[in-house]
Structures are given as C-alpha cells and as structure tokens.
Amino acid sequence: MAAAQSRPTPLPVLAHSLRIGARFLGLVLLSVLLISCEAISYYSQAARGQLKILTGRQNIQTLLDRGDLPQNLRDKFELILQIREFAFAELELPVGDNYSTYVDIGREHVVWNVFAAPELSTEAVSWCYPVAGCLAYRGYFSESEALAYAQQLKSEGLDVYTGGVDAYSTLGWFDDSLLSTVVDRSDYQLAGLVFHELAHQVAFAAGDTSFNESFATAVEREGIRRWSESLNDKRLIDGAEHSLSRQSDFVALVTLWRSQLHELYESELPDAEKRSRKQTLQSELRAAYQLLKESWQGYGGYDAWFARDLNNAQLSTVASYNDWVPAFEMLLDQEEGKLSAFYRRVAELADQEAPVREEALRRLNSLSGEATL
C-alpha cells in the first residue's frame, strides 16, 4: 500500500480517478456477467491490461517541464504535441486529452492480436464483444496467452496468424496515451498513427472491422499528406509519399493473391488439390514480393511479414485495413476535401444496416476504379 498522502487529492484529479474506476468496474462487471469461464478469463485480462495503462500515465507537458528527459524523448514529446494540434485544427479530429499522456509499457508490443480463418476460405473468423460488436481478431495483453489461444485454434484445423500491436484506440472510453511501443517511429509514421486512432472516435460501425479500419486508414493517409505538406519539408514529404506508395503496392499485391485464393477455394477441385495449389500460390506470392522489392530499390520493410506462413488468416489482416480505402477516398473527393462533410457522411454510413452500408461502399469503390482509368 502507498503511504498516506500529506495533503488532500485535488478535486479534478479525484473526479478523474473516480471516472476511471467506474469505467474499469464496468469492464469487470461485463466479464462477470458472461457465462463462459473462458470468456470471464479473457475479459478480465483485458480489463487488467487496460487498467495498468491507465495507472501508468504521465502527463507529457509535465515531463517536458521537468527538464531531465533524454533528448530523443523530448523531441518525440514535442512532436506529439504538434501533431495533436494539427489533428485538431486542420483535420478536425476529436483530440480532447488523447495523446497528452505517456506510458512506458516495458515490452515490445502493447497487445497481441489473434486472427483465424478456415483452411480453405478467405473469410476470417470473427469474435463478438460488448459495445464493439463482432470483430475479426481477439486481442491479448500477454503474448504467451495469445500464442496459447492461437495454438488452440490451430489444433481445430484453422489457419492462424498472431501479430503484435503497438497502439490501439479505446473508442473514447478513455483518453488514449502515447505508448513507448511507438516513440521510435519516424515522424510521419507517428503522425499517421495518431490520425488513424483518432479517426475511430469520429465514426465506428459495431462489428464491421473492414469499414472501421479502412476509414481510419483513409484518414491516416490523407492526414499524412496534409501534415507533411504543411511543414513544407521536402525530405518529409518525399519520405511520406514513398511510404504511402509502397503501402499501396503491398496492398495491391496481397489483394491480388487473396482474390486468386478465393477463386481456388470456390472452385470444384478436390480439397487435396486445393491444398496443393494453395501452397503454390503462397510461393508465387513470395516470389512476386521479391520482384516488387526490386522496384523499391531493395526496401525490406515488409520482409518479416512475408517470412510468415502467408495463410488465409494472415492475408485477412490486410483486407481488414484496406478493402474500402478507395471508397472512402472517393467519398472525400466527392466532398471536395471538406473533412467535416466527409466525416458526416461516414457517420451516416456507420449508422446504416450492414448490407446497405456495404452496397454503398461497393458503389464508391467502383467509382474510384473508374476515376483511375
């Protein structure tokens, strides 16, 4: 137990602590109300992990005022405050107190997500949660727990992929913090991360991972472009443009092979032949990536990703974040780049029933394709 305080806790701090405690209690109660012991265990670890982050927060401005920070951290903290201001003033994002605090996680990733898909299908498995709805992943604050669950799914015959996550959004339940897992990123990558996570608070469709992540990715990309141009730094602009271009190339490559796998799985071939052809397509995808790297002058930022199995679960992670990005970019173009109008239309889409929303996105994707011809 901590020693008794020598003076009363200031009322704003006390009120903030009570709000945190109430929200945490709500998370715990949600887990207790679930029937499955496995579910209780899962939600309990999520609540504990989030509480540890909340209690480890340090105000960034206070840290800067102390004057004893290493220069690399000082530079990043000053940068994040500038990014926050740009996100609010120029991107009209709900910044609030998000990213005004810092947490040293003490590990490589904050969360490990588990993805799964049937052996002969590109359709990802989903899990359903209170508030967020059904999502195409299951997150753990412990790598060992994530790997254990992944092994369980693998023993059931599913394709499985486990990936470390460096940051995430609490969707406005809490003020998100800058984490030690991301401070070493380049300036434009850090800016993109903030824009991406804040976008989740603009619009969120419960249970629709592709919609939510594609929208956030579109905001991230547009935000990086506008932010780098606002600084009029040619090196930064060039670096951001090259990164976005490589990302587009990567997505296009994976999407093409995922389509080929989908056609294979939907064919009338025997399962044994599908499995053999699946391995061939995975090998061809790796070979195609090597050719793509040559056009990037040997850039190897995706090497670790291509060193994995390239199974259906892994390919689904690219789909979740990018399937509808062209649709959202077309929507922004229709609104002549006016972000408030763009956000309003996205929020309206988020409120639609899933079939109506998907049909609207398909039309926008089609218009985007016609525009590039």
Protein backbone atom coordinates (compact mmCIF):
# COMPACT_ATOMS: atom_id res chain seq x y z
CA MET A 1 0.00 0.00 0.00
CA ALA A 2 1.18 3.53 -0.73
CA ALA A 3 1.86 5.86 2.17
CA ALA A 4 -0.96 8.17 3.20
CA GLN A 5 -0.95 11.46 1.32
CA SER A 6 0.09 14.52 3.29
CA ARG A 7 -2.47 16.72 1.52
CA PRO A 8 -5.93 16.17 0.01
CA THR A 9 -6.21 14.99 -3.58
CA PRO A 10 -7.27 17.94 -5.82
CA LEU A 11 -10.95 17.60 -6.77
CA PRO A 12 -10.35 17.41 -10.58
CA VAL A 13 -7.84 14.61 -10.08
CA LEU A 14 -10.19 12.82 -7.68
CA ALA A 15 -13.10 13.13 -10.09
CA HIS A 16 -10.95 11.82 -12.94
CA SER A 17 -9.86 8.86 -10.83
CA LEU A 18 -13.48 8.08 -9.94
CA ARG A 19 -14.44 8.11 -13.63
CA ILE A 20 -11.60 5.71 -14.41
CA GLY A 21 -12.65 3.48 -11.53
CA ALA A 22 -16.27 3.46 -12.67
CA ARG A 23 -15.33 2.52 -16.22
CA PHE A 24 -12.97 -0.19 -15.04
CA LEU A 25 -15.67 -1.57 -12.75
CA GLY A 26 -17.99 -1.64 -15.74
CA LEU A 27 -15.47 -3.70 -17.69
CA VAL A 28 -15.12 -6.15 -14.82
CA LEU A 29 -18.89 -6.47 -14.44
CA LEU A 30 -19.22 -7.21 -18.14
CA SER A 31 -16.79 -10.10 -17.75
CA VAL A 32 -18.57 -11.46 -14.68
CA LEU A 33 -21.95 -11.41 -16.42
CA LEU A 34 -20.67 -13.66 -19.18
CA ILE A 35 -21.49 -17.33 -18.80
CA SER A 36 -18.31 -18.93 -20.07
CA CYS A 37 -15.37 -19.25 -17.70
CA GLU A 38 -13.10 -18.79 -20.72
CA ALA A 39 -14.90 -15.54 -21.54
CA ILE A 40 -14.56 -14.30 -17.95
CA SER A 41 -10.83 -15.02 -18.09
CA TYR A 42 -10.48 -13.23 -21.42
CA TYR A 43 -12.32 -10.06 -20.37
CA SER A 44 -10.55 -9.99 -17.03
CA GLN A 45 -7.12 -9.94 -18.67
CA ALA A 46 -8.33 -7.16 -20.98
CA ALA A 47 -9.56 -5.09 -18.03
CA ARG A 48 -6.34 -5.66 -16.09
CA GLY A 49 -4.22 -4.70 -19.10
CA GLN A 50 -6.16 -1.50 -19.71
CA LEU A 51 -6.09 -0.55 -16.03
CA LYS A 52 -2.31 -0.96 -15.96
CA ILE A 53 -2.01 1.52 -18.82
CA LEU A 54 -4.37 3.98 -17.12
CA THR A 55 -2.47 3.91 -13.86
CA GLY A 56 0.90 4.26 -15.62
CA ARG A 57 0.08 7.51 -17.44
CA GLN A 58 2.34 10.56 -17.09
CA ASN A 59 1.43 13.98 -18.42
CA ILE A 60 3.66 14.83 -21.39
CA GLN A 61 3.84 18.57 -20.70
CA THR A 62 4.81 17.86 -17.08
CA LEU A 63 7.58 15.56 -18.28
CA LEU A 64 8.82 18.25 -20.67
CA ASP A 65 8.79 20.86 -17.91
CA ARG A 66 10.99 18.71 -15.68
CA GLY A 67 13.93 19.21 -17.99
CA ASP A 68 15.65 15.86 -17.32
CA LEU A 69 14.35 13.95 -20.34
CA PRO A 70 16.70 12.24 -22.82
CA GLN A 71 16.81 14.34 -25.98
CA ASN A 72 15.19 11.65 -28.14
CA LEU A 73 12.14 11.52 -25.86
CA ARG A 74 12.00 15.31 -25.60
CA ASP A 75 11.94 15.55 -29.41
CA LYS A 76 9.16 12.97 -29.68
CA PHE A 77 7.07 14.56 -26.94
CA GLU A 78 7.33 17.98 -28.56
CA LEU A 79 6.42 16.39 -31.87
CA ILE A 80 3.35 14.63 -30.48
CA LEU A 81 2.04 17.92 -29.08
CA GLN A 82 2.44 19.48 -32.54
CA ILE A 83 0.68 16.51 -34.14
CA ARG A 84 -2.18 16.84 -31.64
CA GLU A 85 -2.62 20.49 -32.54
CA PHE A 86 -2.62 19.71 -36.27
CA ALA A 87 -5.12 16.87 -35.82
CA PHE A 88 -7.49 19.23 -34.02
CA ALA A 89 -7.04 22.41 -36.05
CA GLU A 90 -6.54 21.02 -39.56
CA LEU A 91 -8.05 17.52 -39.58
CA GLU A 92 -10.99 18.32 -37.29
CA LEU A 93 -10.39 15.17 -35.26
CA PRO A 94 -11.69 14.77 -31.66
CA VAL A 95 -8.34 15.22 -29.94
CA GLY A 96 -9.55 16.12 -26.42
CA ASP A 97 -6.94 14.86 -23.96
CA ASN A 98 -5.87 11.98 -26.19
CA TYR A 99 -2.08 11.62 -26.55
CA SER A 100 -1.41 14.21 -23.86
CA THR A 101 0.00 11.47 -21.60
CA TYR A 102 2.79 8.92 -21.95
CA VAL A 103 3.07 5.32 -20.73
CA ASP A 104 6.25 3.24 -20.70
CA ILE A 105 4.90 -0.24 -21.49
CA GLY A 106 8.18 -2.03 -20.87
CA ARG A 107 7.69 -4.53 -23.70
CA GLU A 108 7.84 -4.65 -27.50
CA HIS A 109 4.08 -4.58 -28.13
CA VAL A 110 1.12 -3.45 -26.08
CA VAL A 111 -1.29 -6.12 -27.39
CA TRP A 112 -1.08 -9.29 -29.47
CA ASN A 113 -3.99 -9.93 -31.84
CA VAL A 114 -5.00 -13.41 -32.93
CA PHE A 115 -6.60 -13.83 -36.37
CA ALA A 116 -8.09 -17.02 -37.77
CA ALA A 117 -9.67 -18.30 -40.98
CA PRO A 118 -10.74 -21.70 -42.30
CA GLU A 119 -8.08 -23.67 -44.12
CA LEU A 120 -9.88 -23.33 -47.47
CA SER A 121 -11.57 -19.94 -47.20
CA THR A 122 -10.52 -16.30 -47.24
CA GLU A 123 -13.40 -15.40 -44.87
CA ALA A 124 -11.95 -14.50 -41.47
CA VAL A 125 -13.35 -15.88 -38.23
CA SER A 126 -14.93 -13.22 -36.01
CA TRP A 127 -15.50 -12.85 -32.26
CA CYS A 128 -18.29 -10.82 -30.69
CA TYR A 129 -17.82 -8.36 -27.83
CA PRO A 130 -20.00 -5.99 -25.82
CA VAL A 131 -20.18 -2.49 -27.39
CA ALA A 132 -17.67 -3.17 -30.20
CA GLY A 133 -19.74 -5.92 -31.81
CA CYS A 134 -18.14 -8.73 -33.83
CA LEU A 135 -14.52 -8.19 -34.89
CA ALA A 136 -12.06 -10.23 -36.95
CA TYR A 137 -9.50 -10.61 -34.17
CA ARG A 138 -9.05 -11.40 -30.49
CA GLY A 139 -6.57 -9.30 -28.52
CA TYR A 140 -4.40 -10.20 -25.54
CA PHE A 141 -2.15 -8.08 -23.33
CA SER A 142 0.07 -11.16 -22.89
CA GLU A 143 1.98 -12.70 -25.80
CA SER A 144 2.01 -16.13 -24.15
CA GLU A 145 -1.78 -16.09 -23.74
CA ALA A 146 -2.21 -15.02 -27.36
CA LEU A 147 0.06 -17.80 -28.61
CA ALA A 148 -1.72 -20.36 -26.42
CA TYR A 149 -5.09 -19.36 -27.84
CA ALA A 150 -3.65 -19.36 -31.36
CA GLN A 151 -2.39 -22.91 -30.82
CA GLN A 152 -5.85 -23.95 -29.66
CA LEU A 153 -7.38 -22.56 -32.86
CA LYS A 154 -4.69 -24.21 -34.95
CA SER A 155 -5.46 -27.59 -33.35
CA GLU A 156 -9.03 -27.11 -34.60
CA GLY A 157 -7.75 -27.01 -38.17
CA LEU A 158 -7.87 -23.25 -38.71
CA ASP A 159 -5.28 -21.05 -40.36
CA VAL A 160 -3.96 -18.76 -37.61
CA TYR A 161 -1.90 -15.57 -37.50
CA THR A 162 -0.69 -13.72 -34.40
CA GLY A 163 0.67 -10.21 -34.69
CA GLY A 164 1.95 -7.66 -32.20
CA VAL A 165 0.08 -4.35 -31.98
CA ASP A 166 1.87 -1.17 -30.89
CA ALA A 167 -1.17 1.03 -30.30
CA TYR A 168 -4.96 0.88 -30.30
CA SER A 169 -7.99 3.07 -29.74
CA THR A 170 -10.33 2.73 -26.73
CA LEU A 171 -13.06 4.37 -28.87
CA GLY A 172 -13.47 7.26 -26.47
CA TRP A 173 -13.95 5.16 -23.34
CA PHE A 174 -10.63 6.51 -22.10
CA ASP A 175 -8.17 9.18 -23.24
CA ASP A 176 -5.60 7.26 -25.27
CA SER A 177 -1.93 7.69 -24.38
CA LEU A 178 1.29 7.83 -26.34
CA LEU A 179 2.96 4.47 -25.67
CA SER A 180 6.64 3.59 -25.51
CA THR A 181 5.97 0.99 -28.22
CA VAL A 182 5.63 3.71 -30.89
CA VAL A 183 8.03 6.51 -29.91
CA ASP A 184 10.81 5.20 -32.15
CA ARG A 185 8.71 5.51 -35.28
CA SER A 186 9.55 8.11 -37.91
CA ASP A 187 7.81 11.46 -37.64
CA TYR A 188 5.25 10.83 -40.39
CA GLN A 189 4.53 7.31 -39.10
CA LEU A 190 3.85 8.67 -35.63
CA ALA A 191 1.57 11.33 -37.10
CA GLY A 192 -0.24 8.69 -39.15
CA LEU A 193 -0.79 6.53 -36.10
CA VAL A 194 -2.39 9.40 -34.15
CA PHE A 195 -4.63 10.32 -37.10
CA HIS A 196 -5.63 6.66 -37.57
CA GLU A 197 -6.56 6.02 -33.94
CA LEU A 198 -8.42 9.32 -33.51
CA ALA A 199 -10.46 8.54 -36.63
CA HIS A 200 -12.05 5.62 -34.77
CA GLN A 201 -13.71 8.19 -32.49
CA VAL A 202 -15.25 10.01 -35.46
CA ALA A 203 -17.25 7.04 -36.74
CA PHE A 204 -17.48 3.40 -35.68
CA ALA A 205 -19.74 0.67 -37.03
CA ALA A 206 -20.09 -2.06 -34.42
CA GLY A 207 -18.99 -5.41 -35.82
CA ASP A 208 -17.63 -4.09 -39.14
CA THR A 209 -13.84 -4.35 -38.97
CA SER A 210 -13.31 -3.60 -42.68
CA PHE A 211 -15.39 -0.41 -42.52
CA ASN A 212 -13.76 0.88 -39.34
CA GLU A 213 -10.17 0.13 -40.28
CA SER A 214 -10.48 1.22 -43.90
CA PHE A 215 -11.96 4.56 -42.81
CA ALA A 216 -9.18 5.09 -40.25
CA THR A 217 -6.56 4.16 -42.85
CA ALA A 218 -8.03 6.65 -45.32
CA VAL A 219 -7.91 9.40 -42.67
CA GLU A 220 -4.35 8.38 -41.79
CA ARG A 221 -3.20 8.65 -45.40
CA GLU A 222 -4.93 11.97 -46.02
CA GLY A 223 -3.65 13.30 -42.71
CA ILE A 224 -0.05 12.37 -43.51
CA ARG A 225 -0.29 14.13 -46.87
CA ARG A 226 -1.71 17.33 -45.40
CA TRP A 227 0.62 17.34 -42.39
CA SER A 228 3.81 16.82 -44.39
CA GLU A 229 2.78 19.48 -46.91
CA SER A 230 2.00 21.93 -44.10
CA LEU A 231 5.58 21.64 -42.87
CA ASN A 232 6.95 22.30 -46.36
CA ASP A 233 9.75 19.83 -45.63
CA LYS A 234 10.74 18.18 -48.90
CA ARG A 235 12.53 15.27 -47.22
CA LEU A 236 9.49 14.60 -45.04
CA ILE A 237 7.10 14.93 -47.99
CA ASP A 238 9.21 12.57 -50.13
CA GLY A 239 9.50 10.06 -47.29
CA ALA A 240 5.76 10.10 -46.67
CA GLU A 241 4.95 9.78 -50.37
CA HIS A 242 7.34 6.86 -50.81
CA SER A 243 5.88 5.14 -47.74
CA LEU A 244 2.29 5.58 -48.92
CA SER A 245 3.22 4.41 -52.41
CA ARG A 246 4.91 1.27 -51.08
CA GLN A 247 1.94 0.61 -48.83
CA SER A 248 -0.41 0.85 -51.84
CA ASP A 249 1.82 -1.54 -53.81
CA PHE A 250 1.86 -4.00 -50.90
CA VAL A 251 -1.92 -3.91 -50.50
CA ALA A 252 -2.48 -4.36 -54.24
CA LEU A 253 -0.13 -7.35 -54.33
CA VAL A 254 -1.72 -9.13 -51.38
CA THR A 255 -5.24 -8.34 -52.59
CA LEU A 256 -4.49 -9.86 -55.99
CA TRP A 257 -3.26 -13.13 -54.46
CA ARG A 258 -6.13 -13.22 -51.97
CA SER A 259 -8.52 -12.99 -54.93
CA GLN A 260 -6.74 -15.90 -56.61
CA LEU A 261 -7.03 -17.94 -53.43
CA HIS A 262 -10.72 -17.08 -53.15
CA GLU A 263 -11.31 -18.32 -56.70
CA LEU A 264 -9.41 -21.51 -55.88
CA TYR A 265 -11.45 -22.20 -52.74
CA GLU A 266 -14.72 -21.56 -54.59
CA SER A 267 -13.77 -23.97 -57.40
CA GLU A 268 -14.94 -27.57 -57.77
CA LEU A 269 -11.45 -29.00 -57.31
CA PRO A 270 -10.94 -31.72 -54.67
CA ASP A 271 -9.71 -30.43 -51.30
CA ALA A 272 -6.37 -32.19 -51.68
CA GLU A 273 -5.72 -30.35 -54.95
CA LYS A 274 -6.85 -27.06 -53.38
CA ARG A 275 -4.31 -27.53 -50.59
CA SER A 276 -1.54 -28.21 -53.09
CA ARG A 277 -2.50 -25.22 -55.23
CA LYS A 278 -2.71 -23.06 -52.11
CA GLN A 279 0.95 -23.80 -51.31
CA THR A 280 1.91 -22.98 -54.89
CA LEU A 281 0.12 -19.62 -54.73
CA GLN A 282 1.83 -18.81 -51.44
CA SER A 283 5.23 -19.48 -53.03
CA GLU A 284 4.30 -17.37 -56.05
CA LEU A 285 3.27 -14.52 -53.74
CA ARG A 286 6.68 -14.56 -52.08
CA ALA A 287 8.36 -14.51 -55.48
CA ALA A 288 6.19 -11.60 -56.60
CA TYR A 289 7.17 -9.70 -53.47
CA GLN A 290 10.85 -10.11 -54.32
CA LEU A 291 10.18 -8.53 -57.71
CA LEU A 292 8.24 -5.73 -56.04
CA LYS A 293 11.19 -5.08 -53.72
CA GLU A 294 13.43 -4.52 -56.72
CA SER A 295 11.14 -1.68 -57.82
CA TRP A 296 11.54 -0.27 -54.29
CA GLN A 297 15.36 -0.30 -54.62
CA GLY A 298 15.54 -3.17 -52.14
CA TYR A 299 13.41 -1.64 -49.36
CA GLY A 300 12.69 -4.51 -46.96
CA GLY A 301 10.09 -3.11 -44.60
CA TYR A 302 7.70 -5.97 -45.32
CA ASP A 303 10.27 -8.78 -45.17
CA ALA A 304 9.18 -10.02 -41.75
CA TRP A 305 5.56 -10.15 -42.88
CA PHE A 306 6.42 -12.23 -45.96
CA ALA A 307 8.59 -14.55 -43.87
CA ARG A 308 5.41 -15.84 -42.17
CA ASP A 309 3.03 -18.53 -43.44
CA LEU A 310 1.01 -16.25 -45.75
CA ASN A 311 -2.05 -18.27 -44.77
CA ASN A 312 -5.67 -17.15 -45.03
CA ALA A 313 -5.70 -15.59 -41.57
CA GLN A 314 -2.61 -13.50 -42.31
CA LEU A 315 -3.97 -12.30 -45.65
CA SER A 316 -7.23 -11.29 -43.95
CA THR A 317 -5.36 -8.69 -41.86
CA VAL A 318 -4.55 -6.69 -44.99
CA ALA A 319 -8.15 -6.93 -46.15
CA SER A 320 -9.49 -5.56 -42.86
CA TYR A 321 -7.44 -2.39 -43.06
CA ASN A 322 -7.71 -1.64 -46.76
CA ASP A 323 -10.72 -3.13 -48.58
CA TRP A 324 -12.75 0.09 -48.54
CA VAL A 325 -9.96 2.69 -48.58
CA PRO A 326 -10.64 3.63 -52.26
CA ALA A 327 -14.33 4.08 -51.37
CA PHE A 328 -13.54 6.50 -48.56
CA GLU A 329 -11.05 8.38 -50.71
CA MET A 330 -13.75 8.75 -53.37
CA LEU A 331 -16.19 9.97 -50.72
CA LEU A 332 -13.68 12.60 -49.59
CA ASP A 333 -13.19 13.64 -53.19
CA GLN A 334 -16.95 14.00 -53.65
CA GLU A 335 -16.94 16.38 -50.69
CA GLU A 336 -14.11 18.35 -52.32
CA GLY A 337 -11.76 17.57 -49.46
CA LYS A 338 -14.02 19.15 -46.83
CA LEU A 339 -13.42 16.96 -43.81
CA SER A 340 -16.48 17.95 -41.76
CA ALA A 341 -18.80 16.97 -44.62
CA PHE A 342 -16.78 13.80 -45.21
CA TYR A 343 -17.00 12.77 -41.55
CA ARG A 344 -20.74 13.43 -41.54
CA ARG A 345 -21.31 11.13 -44.50
CA VAL A 346 -19.10 8.44 -42.98
CA ALA A 347 -21.05 8.64 -39.70
CA GLU A 348 -24.28 8.25 -41.68
CA LEU A 349 -22.87 5.14 -43.34
CA ALA A 350 -21.84 3.75 -39.95
CA ASP A 351 -25.46 4.05 -38.79
CA GLN A 352 -26.80 2.07 -41.76
CA GLU A 353 -27.58 -1.63 -41.68
CA ALA A 354 -24.57 -3.67 -42.82
CA PRO A 355 -25.97 -4.71 -46.27
CA VAL A 356 -26.93 -1.11 -47.10
CA ARG A 357 -23.53 0.17 -45.94
CA GLU A 358 -21.64 -2.44 -47.94
CA GLU A 359 -23.59 -1.72 -51.11
CA ALA A 360 -22.84 2.00 -50.79
CA LEU A 361 -19.14 1.25 -50.32
CA ARG A 362 -19.13 -1.05 -53.33
CA ARG A 363 -20.56 1.74 -55.48
CA LEU A 364 -17.92 4.14 -54.21
CA ASN A 365 -15.17 1.58 -54.85
CA SER A 366 -16.47 1.17 -58.40
CA LEU A 367 -16.44 4.93 -58.95
CA SER A 368 -12.90 5.04 -57.62
CA GLY A 369 -11.83 2.40 -60.14
CA GLU A 370 -13.42 4.33 -63.00
CA ALA A 371 -11.63 7.50 -61.90
CA THR A 372 -8.23 5.84 -62.18
CA LEU A 373 -8.77 4.60 -65.74
